[in-house]
C-alpha cells in the first residue's frame, strides 16, 4: 500500500518522463511525430504486399488474400511489445544508474515509465493495424474484447520477467547479453511467422513449455479466425507472470540497497 501511495505521489514525474522520451525521439527530425505513423504503416504495407500479393502465402483453411499478413501482424506486433518491455526492463537500473545515485525517489517508477513508453509505441502501431483490419473487412467484432484480457496476461509476463532480469543484470552483466541471444531463439520457437500446424509431431510437446505460444496464438485466433481464444491455455502464462512479478518485486526490495552500491 505504501508503494502505491508513493507511486501515485510521483505520477507527475512518471507522466513527464514518458512525455519527454516520446518528444526527444523525434525532436531533430523534419517530420517529427509523423514517423510514429510512417514506420508501422510501412511495415504493414510491406507485409501485405510481399506476403499477400507477391508470395500469395495463405494459411491452411484461410481463403482470404490478407489472411497471412494479418496473421503475421497479429503475432509480430504483439511480440514486439513483449520484447521491448523485457528489453527495457533488463537494462532499466543500469541505464538510470546516475539518477539512482543522485536523486531520492521511488525506484519502482522506472519500470513503470519503461512499460508506459512501450505501450505508447504499441498503441500507435496497433491502432494502425486495427484500421487495416477495418479496411480489409477483418474486424473481429465483439471478439476484440478478448484481446484486452490477452494483453493483460502478456504485460504481467513481460513486466515480471523484465524486473527479474533487471535486478540480476545489475550484479551479473552477462545476463543481459545472454538473454538478448536467447530472445532471438525464443522468437523463432514461437509460431509468429509460421503456423504451429507445420511443426513436426515430436516438436509440438515442447511448445507447451513456451509461455508466449498461447499468448500469440490467442491474438491470432482473435484477429485471423475471429474466434474467442482458448482461455484455459492462458492459465500457464498468467500464473507464470504473477509468480515472476512477485519474485521480481521481492528481489528488488531485498537488493535495492546493494544495487545502488553496485551501480
C-alpha atoms as a PDB file:
ATOM      1  CA  UNK A   1       0.000   0.000   0.000  1.00  0.00           C
ATOM      2  CA  UNK A   2       2.863   2.386   0.833  1.00  0.00           C
ATOM      3  CA  UNK A   3       4.407   1.636  -2.546  1.00  0.00           C
ATOM      4  CA  UNK A   4       1.166   2.509  -4.350  1.00  0.00           C
ATOM      5  CA  UNK A   5       0.892   5.791  -2.426  1.00  0.00           C
ATOM      6  CA  UNK A   6       4.486   6.661  -3.285  1.00  0.00           C
ATOM      7  CA  UNK A   7       3.944   5.924  -6.959  1.00  0.00           C
ATOM      8  CA  UNK A   8       0.765   7.999  -7.001  1.00  0.00           C
ATOM      9  CA  UNK A   9       2.614  10.907  -5.394  1.00  0.00           C
ATOM     10  CA  UNK A  10       5.188  10.721  -8.216  1.00  0.00           C
ATOM     11  CA  UNK A  11       2.620  10.405 -11.029  1.00  0.00           C
ATOM     12  CA  UNK A  12       3.742  13.761 -12.435  1.00  0.00           C
ATOM     13  CA  UNK A  13       7.334  12.518 -12.652  1.00  0.00           C
ATOM     14  CA  UNK A  14       6.168   9.318 -14.357  1.00  0.00           C
ATOM     15  CA  UNK A  15       3.975  11.022 -16.967  1.00  0.00           C
ATOM     16  CA  UNK A  16       6.537  13.767 -17.547  1.00  0.00           C
ATOM     17  CA  UNK A  17       9.261  11.195 -18.185  1.00  0.00           C
ATOM     18  CA  UNK A  18       7.080   9.348 -20.691  1.00  0.00           C
ATOM     19  CA  UNK A  19       6.286  12.608 -22.494  1.00  0.00           C
ATOM     20  CA  UNK A  20       9.949  13.686 -22.588  1.00  0.00           C
ATOM     21  CA  UNK A  21      11.134  10.395 -24.076  1.00  0.00           C
ATOM     22  CA  UNK A  22       8.434  10.479 -26.757  1.00  0.00           C
ATOM     23  CA  UNK A  23       9.294  14.064 -27.701  1.00  0.00           C
ATOM     24  CA  UNK A  24      13.062  13.544 -27.638  1.00  0.00           C
ATOM     25  CA  UNK A  25      12.773  10.629 -30.054  1.00  0.00           C
ATOM     26  CA  UNK A  26      11.652  12.940 -32.893  1.00  0.00           C
ATOM     27  CA  UNK A  27      12.977  16.316 -31.714  1.00  0.00           C
ATOM     28  CA  UNK A  28      15.503  16.873 -34.522  1.00  0.00           C
ATOM     29  CA  UNK A  29      13.591  15.214 -37.367  1.00  0.00           C
ATOM     30  CA  UNK A  30      11.799  17.167 -40.074  1.00  0.00           C
ATOM     31  CA  UNK A  31       8.609  15.105 -39.938  1.00  0.00           C
ATOM     32  CA  UNK A  32       8.587  14.873 -36.154  1.00  0.00           C
ATOM     33  CA  UNK A  33       5.964  12.633 -34.604  1.00  0.00           C
ATOM     34  CA  UNK A  34       4.725  11.684 -38.089  1.00  0.00           C
ATOM     35  CA  UNK A  35       7.404   8.967 -38.047  1.00  0.00           C
ATOM     36  CA  UNK A  36       5.388   7.153 -35.381  1.00  0.00           C
ATOM     37  CA  UNK A  37       2.785   6.573 -38.090  1.00  0.00           C
ATOM     38  CA  UNK A  38       5.046   6.218 -41.135  1.00  0.00           C
ATOM     39  CA  UNK A  39       7.233   3.406 -39.755  1.00  0.00           C
ATOM     40  CA  UNK A  40       4.459   0.987 -38.690  1.00  0.00           C
ATOM     41  CA  UNK A  41       2.389   1.871 -41.754  1.00  0.00           C
ATOM     42  CA  UNK A  42       5.316   0.966 -43.993  1.00  0.00           C
ATOM     43  CA  UNK A  43       5.715  -2.341 -42.153  1.00  0.00           C
ATOM     44  CA  UNK A  44       2.045  -3.230 -42.600  1.00  0.00           C
ATOM     45  CA  UNK A  45       2.212  -2.329 -46.308  1.00  0.00           C
ATOM     46  CA  UNK A  46       5.326  -4.491 -46.788  1.00  0.00           C
ATOM     47  CA  UNK A  47       3.730  -7.435 -45.007  1.00  0.00           C
ATOM     48  CA  UNK A  48       0.587  -7.083 -47.098  1.00  0.00           C
ATOM     49  CA  UNK A  49       2.280  -6.623 -50.473  1.00  0.00           C
ATOM     50  CA  UNK A  50       5.005  -9.246 -50.082  1.00  0.00           C
ATOM     51  CA  UNK A  51       3.127 -11.984 -48.276  1.00  0.00           C
ATOM     52  CA  UNK A  52      -0.361 -11.419 -49.644  1.00  0.00           C
ATOM     53  CA  UNK A  53       0.232 -10.279 -53.206  1.00  0.00           C
ATOM     54  CA  UNK A  54       3.707 -11.375 -54.316  1.00  0.00           C
ATOM     55  CA  UNK A  55       4.138 -14.629 -52.413  1.00  0.00           C
ATOM     56  CA  UNK A  56       0.402 -15.375 -52.229  1.00  0.00           C
ATOM     57  CA  UNK A  57       1.104 -17.015 -48.897  1.00  0.00           C
ATOM     58  CA  UNK A  58      -2.009 -18.380 -47.244  1.00  0.00           C
ATOM     59  CA  UNK A  59      -2.772 -20.164 -44.029  1.00  0.00           C
ATOM     60  CA  UNK A  60      -4.303 -23.640 -44.066  1.00  0.00           C
ATOM     61  CA  UNK A  61      -8.053 -23.209 -44.304  1.00  0.00           C
ATOM     62  CA  UNK A  62      -7.801 -19.442 -44.872  1.00  0.00           C
ATOM     63  CA  UNK A  63      -9.011 -18.324 -48.294  1.00  0.00           C
ATOM     64  CA  UNK A  64      -8.598 -14.569 -47.809  1.00  0.00           C
ATOM     65  CA  UNK A  65      -5.749 -12.836 -49.615  1.00  0.00           C
ATOM     66  CA  UNK A  66      -4.913 -10.901 -46.452  1.00  0.00           C
ATOM     67  CA  UNK A  67      -5.056 -13.902 -44.129  1.00  0.00           C
ATOM     68  CA  UNK A  68      -1.327 -14.440 -43.765  1.00  0.00           C
ATOM     69  CA  UNK A  69      -0.424 -10.750 -43.490  1.00  0.00           C
ATOM     70  CA  UNK A  70      -2.969 -10.356 -40.654  1.00  0.00           C
ATOM     71  CA  UNK A  71      -1.586 -13.496 -39.025  1.00  0.00           C
ATOM     72  CA  UNK A  72       1.936 -12.102 -39.286  1.00  0.00           C
ATOM     73  CA  UNK A  73       0.996  -8.650 -37.974  1.00  0.00           C
ATOM     74  CA  UNK A  74      -1.005 -10.055 -35.051  1.00  0.00           C
ATOM     75  CA  UNK A  75       1.996 -12.094 -33.952  1.00  0.00           C
ATOM     76  CA  UNK A  76       4.909  -9.800 -34.741  1.00  0.00           C
ATOM     77  CA  UNK A  77       3.394  -6.580 -33.367  1.00  0.00           C
ATOM     78  CA  UNK A  78       2.434  -8.133 -30.045  1.00  0.00           C
ATOM     79  CA  UNK A  79       5.748  -9.989 -29.799  1.00  0.00           C
ATOM     80  CA  UNK A  80       7.464  -6.647 -30.379  1.00  0.00           C
ATOM     81  CA  UNK A  81       5.688  -5.223 -27.329  1.00  0.00           C
ATOM     82  CA  UNK A  82       6.798  -8.178 -25.210  1.00  0.00           C
ATOM     83  CA  UNK A  83      10.413  -7.928 -26.399  1.00  0.00           C
ATOM     84  CA  UNK A  84      10.525  -4.154 -25.864  1.00  0.00           C
ATOM     85  CA  UNK A  85       9.220  -4.333 -22.285  1.00  0.00           C
ATOM     86  CA  UNK A  86      11.573  -7.169 -21.332  1.00  0.00           C
ATOM     87  CA  UNK A  87      14.498  -5.441 -23.056  1.00  0.00           C
ATOM     88  CA  UNK A  88      13.823  -2.155 -21.286  1.00  0.00           C
ATOM     89  CA  UNK A  89      13.298  -3.954 -18.000  1.00  0.00           C
ATOM     90  CA  UNK A  90      16.598  -5.819 -18.038  1.00  0.00           C
ATOM     91  CA  UNK A  91      18.543  -2.569 -18.520  1.00  0.00           C
ATOM     92  CA  UNK A  92      16.338  -0.162 -16.586  1.00  0.00           C
ATOM     93  CA  UNK A  93      18.501   0.123 -13.476  1.00  0.00           C
ATOM     94  CA  UNK A  94      21.815   0.169 -15.374  1.00  0.00           C
ATOM     95  CA  UNK A  95      20.633   2.837 -17.830  1.00  0.00           C
ATOM     96  CA  UNK A  96      19.451   5.046 -14.946  1.00  0.00           C
ATOM     97  CA  UNK A  97      22.454   4.470 -12.663  1.00  0.00           C
ATOM     98  CA  UNK A  98      23.264   8.194 -12.322  1.00  0.00           C
ATOM     99  CA  UNK A  99      19.667   9.001 -11.472  1.00  0.00           C
ATOM    100  CA  UNK A 100      19.523   6.262  -8.849  1.00  0.00           C
ATOM    101  CA  UNK A 101      22.684   7.525  -7.153  1.00  0.00           C
ATOM    102  CA  UNK A 102      21.881  11.226  -7.072  1.00  0.00           C
ATOM    103  CA  UNK A 103      18.126  11.547  -6.501  1.00  0.00           C
ATOM    104  CA  UNK A 104      15.884  10.058  -3.842  1.00  0.00           C
ATOM    105  CA  UNK A 105      12.630   8.813  -5.384  1.00  0.00           C
ATOM    106  CA  UNK A 106      10.644   5.557  -5.576  1.00  0.00           C
ATOM    107  CA  UNK A 107      12.806   3.338  -7.777  1.00  0.00           C
ATOM    108  CA  UNK A 108       9.747   1.414  -8.926  1.00  0.00           C
ATOM    109  CA  UNK A 109       8.761   4.420 -11.035  1.00  0.00           C
ATOM    110  CA  UNK A 110      11.477   3.408 -13.507  1.00  0.00           C
ATOM    111  CA  UNK A 111       9.885   0.086 -14.596  1.00  0.00           C
ATOM    112  CA  UNK A 112       6.519   1.826 -14.827  1.00  0.00           C
ATOM    113  CA  UNK A 113       7.970   4.534 -17.077  1.00  0.00           C
ATOM    114  CA  UNK A 114       9.554   1.858 -19.289  1.00  0.00           C
ATOM    115  CA  UNK A 115       6.256  -0.035 -19.610  1.00  0.00           C
ATOM    116  CA  UNK A 116       4.267   3.130 -20.391  1.00  0.00           C
ATOM    117  CA  UNK A 117       6.765   4.173 -23.070  1.00  0.00           C
ATOM    118  CA  UNK A 118       6.487   0.757 -24.680  1.00  0.00           C
ATOM    119  CA  UNK A 119       2.679   0.912 -24.516  1.00  0.00           C
ATOM    120  CA  UNK A 120       2.627   4.338 -26.199  1.00  0.00           C
ATOM    121  CA  UNK A 121       4.645   2.968 -29.122  1.00  0.00           C
ATOM    122  CA  UNK A 122       2.492  -0.150 -29.257  1.00  0.00           C
ATOM    123  CA  UNK A 123      -0.768   1.826 -29.166  1.00  0.00           C
ATOM    124  CA  UNK A 124       0.230   3.788 -32.268  1.00  0.00           C
ATOM    125  CA  UNK A 125       1.370   0.730 -34.211  1.00  0.00           C
ATOM    126  CA  UNK A 126      -1.546  -1.444 -33.141  1.00  0.00           C
ATOM    127  CA  UNK A 127      -4.020   1.348 -33.867  1.00  0.00           C
ATOM    128  CA  UNK A 128      -2.874   1.344 -37.489  1.00  0.00           C
ATOM    129  CA  UNK A 129      -3.187  -2.430 -37.577  1.00  0.00           C
ATOM    130  CA  UNK A 130      -6.780  -2.177 -36.347  1.00  0.00           C
ATOM    131  CA  UNK A 131      -7.507   0.411 -39.035  1.00  0.00           C
ATOM    132  CA  UNK A 132      -6.090  -2.035 -41.579  1.00  0.00           C
ATOM    133  CA  UNK A 133      -8.423  -4.754 -40.250  1.00  0.00           C
ATOM    134  CA  UNK A 134     -11.428  -2.485 -40.733  1.00  0.00           C
ATOM    135  CA  UNK A 135     -10.325  -1.551 -44.267  1.00  0.00           C
ATOM    136  CA  UNK A 136      -9.738  -5.206 -45.168  1.00  0.00           C
ATOM    137  CA  UNK A 137     -13.101  -6.281 -43.733  1.00  0.00           C
ATOM    138  CA  UNK A 138     -11.477  -8.369 -40.985  1.00  0.00           C
ATOM    139  CA  UNK A 139     -12.744  -6.557 -37.907  1.00  0.00           C
ATOM    140  CA  UNK A 140     -13.336  -9.328 -35.316  1.00  0.00           C
ATOM    141  CA  UNK A 141     -16.392  -7.687 -33.727  1.00  0.00           C
ATOM    142  CA  UNK A 142     -17.067  -8.368 -30.058  1.00  0.00           C
ATOM    143  CA  UNK A 143     -14.274 -10.938 -30.016  1.00  0.00           C
ATOM    144  CA  UNK A 144     -11.912  -7.951 -29.947  1.00  0.00           C
ATOM    145  CA  UNK A 145     -12.723  -7.522 -26.239  1.00  0.00           C
ATOM    146  CA  UNK A 146     -10.757 -10.717 -25.553  1.00  0.00           C
ATOM    147  CA  UNK A 147      -7.587  -9.010 -26.824  1.00  0.00           C
ATOM    148  CA  UNK A 148      -7.635  -6.736 -23.769  1.00  0.00           C
ATOM    149  CA  UNK A 149      -7.504  -9.743 -21.431  1.00  0.00           C
ATOM    150  CA  UNK A 150      -4.748 -11.362 -23.502  1.00  0.00           C
ATOM    151  CA  UNK A 151      -2.800  -8.091 -23.401  1.00  0.00           C
ATOM    152  CA  UNK A 152      -3.082  -8.030 -19.593  1.00  0.00           C
ATOM    153  CA  UNK A 153      -1.629 -11.550 -19.382  1.00  0.00           C
ATOM    154  CA  UNK A 154       1.183 -10.588 -21.747  1.00  0.00           C
ATOM    155  CA  UNK A 155       2.016  -7.467 -19.724  1.00  0.00           C
ATOM    156  CA  UNK A 156       2.190  -9.447 -16.479  1.00  0.00           C
ATOM    157  CA  UNK A 157       4.587 -11.919 -18.071  1.00  0.00           C
ATOM    158  CA  UNK A 158       6.760  -9.220 -19.668  1.00  0.00           C
ATOM    159  CA  UNK A 159       6.893  -6.987 -16.579  1.00  0.00           C
ATOM    160  CA  UNK A 160       7.684  -9.866 -14.232  1.00  0.00           C
ATOM    161  CA  UNK A 161      10.430 -11.242 -16.465  1.00  0.00           C
ATOM    162  CA  UNK A 162      11.845  -7.765 -17.078  1.00  0.00           C
ATOM    163  CA  UNK A 163      12.025  -6.991 -13.349  1.00  0.00           C
ATOM    164  CA  UNK A 164      13.780 -10.253 -12.500  1.00  0.00           C
ATOM    165  CA  UNK A 165      16.291  -9.774 -15.320  1.00  0.00           C
ATOM    166  CA  UNK A 166      16.748  -6.099 -14.375  1.00  0.00           C
ATOM    167  CA  UNK A 167      17.846  -6.950 -10.833  1.00  0.00           C
ATOM    168  CA  UNK A 168      20.061  -9.851 -11.938  1.00  0.00           C
ATOM    169  CA  UNK A 169      21.655  -7.752 -14.679  1.00  0.00           C
ATOM    170  CA  UNK A 170      22.944  -5.246 -12.120  1.00  0.00           C
ATOM    171  CA  UNK A 171      25.055  -7.921 -10.429  1.00  0.00           C
ATOM    172  CA  UNK A 172      25.727 -10.194 -13.421  1.00  0.00           C
ATOM    173  CA  UNK A 173      26.086  -8.186 -16.635  1.00  0.00           C
ATOM    174  CA  UNK A 174      26.243 -11.369 -18.707  1.00  0.00           C
ATOM    175  CA  UNK A 175      22.527 -11.836 -18.013  1.00  0.00           C
ATOM    176  CA  UNK A 176      21.586  -9.055 -20.420  1.00  0.00           C
ATOM    177  CA  UNK A 177      23.925 -10.300 -23.135  1.00  0.00           C
ATOM    178  CA  UNK A 178      22.734 -13.884 -22.817  1.00  0.00           C
ATOM    179  CA  UNK A 179      19.047 -13.020 -22.804  1.00  0.00           C
ATOM    180  CA  UNK A 180      19.405 -10.901 -25.953  1.00  0.00           C
ATOM    181  CA  UNK A 181      20.593 -14.030 -27.769  1.00  0.00           C
ATOM    182  CA  UNK A 182      18.029 -16.235 -26.046  1.00  0.00           C
ATOM    183  CA  UNK A 183      15.221 -13.889 -27.120  1.00  0.00           C
ATOM    184  CA  UNK A 184      16.091 -14.453 -30.775  1.00  0.00           C
ATOM    185  CA  UNK A 185      15.769 -18.211 -30.379  1.00  0.00           C
ATOM    186  CA  UNK A 186      12.569 -17.709 -28.359  1.00  0.00           C
ATOM    187  CA  UNK A 187      11.048 -15.689 -31.214  1.00  0.00           C
ATOM    188  CA  UNK A 188      11.609 -18.459 -33.761  1.00  0.00           C
ATOM    189  CA  UNK A 189      10.397 -21.091 -31.314  1.00  0.00           C
ATOM    190  CA  UNK A 190       7.099 -19.183 -31.121  1.00  0.00           C
ATOM    191  CA  UNK A 191       4.643 -19.520 -34.070  1.00  0.00           C
ATOM    192  CA  UNK A 192       4.787 -15.878 -35.125  1.00  0.00           C
ATOM    193  CA  UNK A 193       5.741 -16.214 -38.795  1.00  0.00           C
ATOM    194  CA  UNK A 194       4.596 -19.813 -39.250  1.00  0.00           C
ATOM    195  CA  UNK A 195       1.532 -21.797 -38.095  1.00  0.00           C
ATOM    196  CA  UNK A 196       2.118 -24.350 -35.348  1.00  0.00           C
ATOM    197  CA  UNK A 197       0.457 -26.993 -37.527  1.00  0.00           C
ATOM    198  CA  UNK A 198       3.552 -27.271 -39.748  1.00  0.00           C
ATOM    199  CA  UNK A 199       5.811 -28.315 -36.857  1.00  0.00           C
ATOM    200  CA  UNK A 200       6.924 -31.962 -36.624  1.00  0.00           C
ATOM    201  CA  UNK A 201       4.929 -34.017 -34.147  1.00  0.00           C
ATOM    202  CA  UNK A 202       7.985 -34.664 -31.979  1.00  0.00           C
ATOM    203  CA  UNK A 203       8.482 -30.900 -31.523  1.00  0.00           C
ATOM    204  CA  UNK A 204       4.909 -29.963 -30.602  1.00  0.00           C
ATOM    205  CA  UNK A 205       5.057 -31.278 -26.986  1.00  0.00           C
ATOM    206  CA  UNK A 206       7.933 -28.875 -26.290  1.00  0.00           C
ATOM    207  CA  UNK A 207       5.765 -25.977 -27.490  1.00  0.00           C
ATOM    208  CA  UNK A 208       3.690 -26.394 -24.315  1.00  0.00           C
ATOM    209  CA  UNK A 209       6.726 -25.157 -22.358  1.00  0.00           C
ATOM    210  CA  UNK A 210       6.707 -21.823 -24.221  1.00  0.00           C
ATOM    211  CA  UNK A 211       4.547 -19.324 -22.263  1.00  0.00           C
ATOM    212  CA  UNK A 212       4.344 -16.959 -25.232  1.00  0.00           C
ATOM    213  CA  UNK A 213       2.850 -19.604 -27.503  1.00  0.00           C
ATOM    214  CA  UNK A 214      -0.709 -19.428 -26.041  1.00  0.00           C
ATOM    215  CA  UNK A 215      -0.455 -15.629 -25.879  1.00  0.00           C
ATOM    216  CA  UNK A 216       0.468 -15.197 -29.548  1.00  0.00           C
ATOM    217  CA  UNK A 217      -1.947 -17.968 -30.574  1.00  0.00           C
ATOM    218  CA  UNK A 218      -4.741 -16.122 -28.761  1.00  0.00           C
ATOM    219  CA  UNK A 219      -4.087 -12.904 -30.688  1.00  0.00           C
ATOM    220  CA  UNK A 220      -4.015 -14.840 -33.949  1.00  0.00           C
ATOM    221  CA  UNK A 221      -7.247 -16.625 -33.069  1.00  0.00           C
ATOM    222  CA  UNK A 222      -8.934 -13.267 -32.388  1.00  0.00           C
ATOM    223  CA  UNK A 223      -7.724 -11.342 -35.422  1.00  0.00           C
ATOM    224  CA  UNK A 224      -7.319 -14.068 -38.032  1.00  0.00           C
ATOM    225  CA  UNK A 225     -10.030 -16.610 -37.189  1.00  0.00           C
ATOM    226  CA  UNK A 226     -12.240 -14.050 -35.392  1.00  0.00           C
ATOM    227  CA  UNK A 227     -12.786 -16.565 -32.606  1.00  0.00           C
ATOM    228  CA  UNK A 228     -12.520 -16.417 -28.820  1.00  0.00           C
ATOM    229  CA  UNK A 229      -9.141 -17.631 -27.541  1.00  0.00           C
ATOM    230  CA  UNK A 230      -8.609 -20.805 -25.562  1.00  0.00           C
ATOM    231  CA  UNK A 231      -8.850 -19.345 -22.058  1.00  0.00           C
ATOM    232  CA  UNK A 232      -7.541 -22.489 -20.387  1.00  0.00           C
ATOM    233  CA  UNK A 233      -4.311 -22.255 -22.389  1.00  0.00           C
ATOM    234  CA  UNK A 234      -3.690 -18.759 -20.989  1.00  0.00           C
ATOM    235  CA  UNK A 235      -3.624 -20.073 -17.415  1.00  0.00           C
ATOM    236  CA  UNK A 236       0.045 -21.052 -17.754  1.00  0.00           C
ATOM    237  CA  UNK A 237       1.397 -17.620 -18.834  1.00  0.00           C
ATOM    238  CA  UNK A 238      -0.944 -15.911 -16.339  1.00  0.00           C
ATOM    239  CA  UNK A 239       0.319 -17.901 -13.361  1.00  0.00           C
ATOM    240  CA  UNK A 240       3.922 -17.623 -14.542  1.00  0.00           C
ATOM    241  CA  UNK A 241       3.525 -13.864 -14.957  1.00  0.00           C
ATOM    242  CA  UNK A 242       2.134 -13.469 -11.431  1.00  0.00           C
ATOM    243  CA  UNK A 243       4.970 -15.561  -9.994  1.00  0.00           C
ATOM    244  CA  UNK A 244       7.609 -13.561 -11.869  1.00  0.00           C
ATOM    245  CA  UNK A 245       6.069 -10.243 -10.768  1.00  0.00           C
ATOM    246  CA  UNK A 246       6.057 -11.374  -7.137  1.00  0.00           C
ATOM    247  CA  UNK A 247       9.616 -12.670  -7.453  1.00  0.00           C
ATOM    248  CA  UNK A 248      10.840  -9.517  -9.170  1.00  0.00           C
ATOM    249  CA  UNK A 249       9.277  -7.272  -6.526  1.00  0.00           C
ATOM    250  CA  UNK A 250      10.777  -9.362  -3.725  1.00  0.00           C
ATOM    251  CA  UNK A 251      14.230  -9.335  -5.332  1.00  0.00           C
ATOM    252  CA  UNK A 252      14.020  -5.581  -5.802  1.00  0.00           C
ATOM    253  CA  UNK A 253      13.061  -4.927  -2.196  1.00  0.00           C
ATOM    254  CA  UNK A 254      15.750  -7.265  -0.908  1.00  0.00           C
ATOM    255  CA  UNK A 255      18.634  -5.979  -3.026  1.00  0.00           C
ATOM    256  CA  UNK A 256      17.749  -2.337  -3.777  1.00  0.00           C
ATOM    257  CA  UNK A 257      20.424  -1.068  -1.386  1.00  0.00           C
ATOM    258  CA  UNK A 258      23.114  -3.310  -2.826  1.00  0.00           C
ATOM    259  CA  UNK A 259      22.034  -2.399  -6.354  1.00  0.00           C
ATOM    260  CA  UNK A 260      22.799   1.286  -5.781  1.00  0.00           C
ATOM    261  CA  UNK A 261      26.233   0.394  -4.400  1.00  0.00           C
ATOM    262  CA  UNK A 262      26.912  -1.957  -7.326  1.00  0.00           C
ATOM    263  CA  UNK A 263      25.938   0.674  -9.874  1.00  0.00           C
END
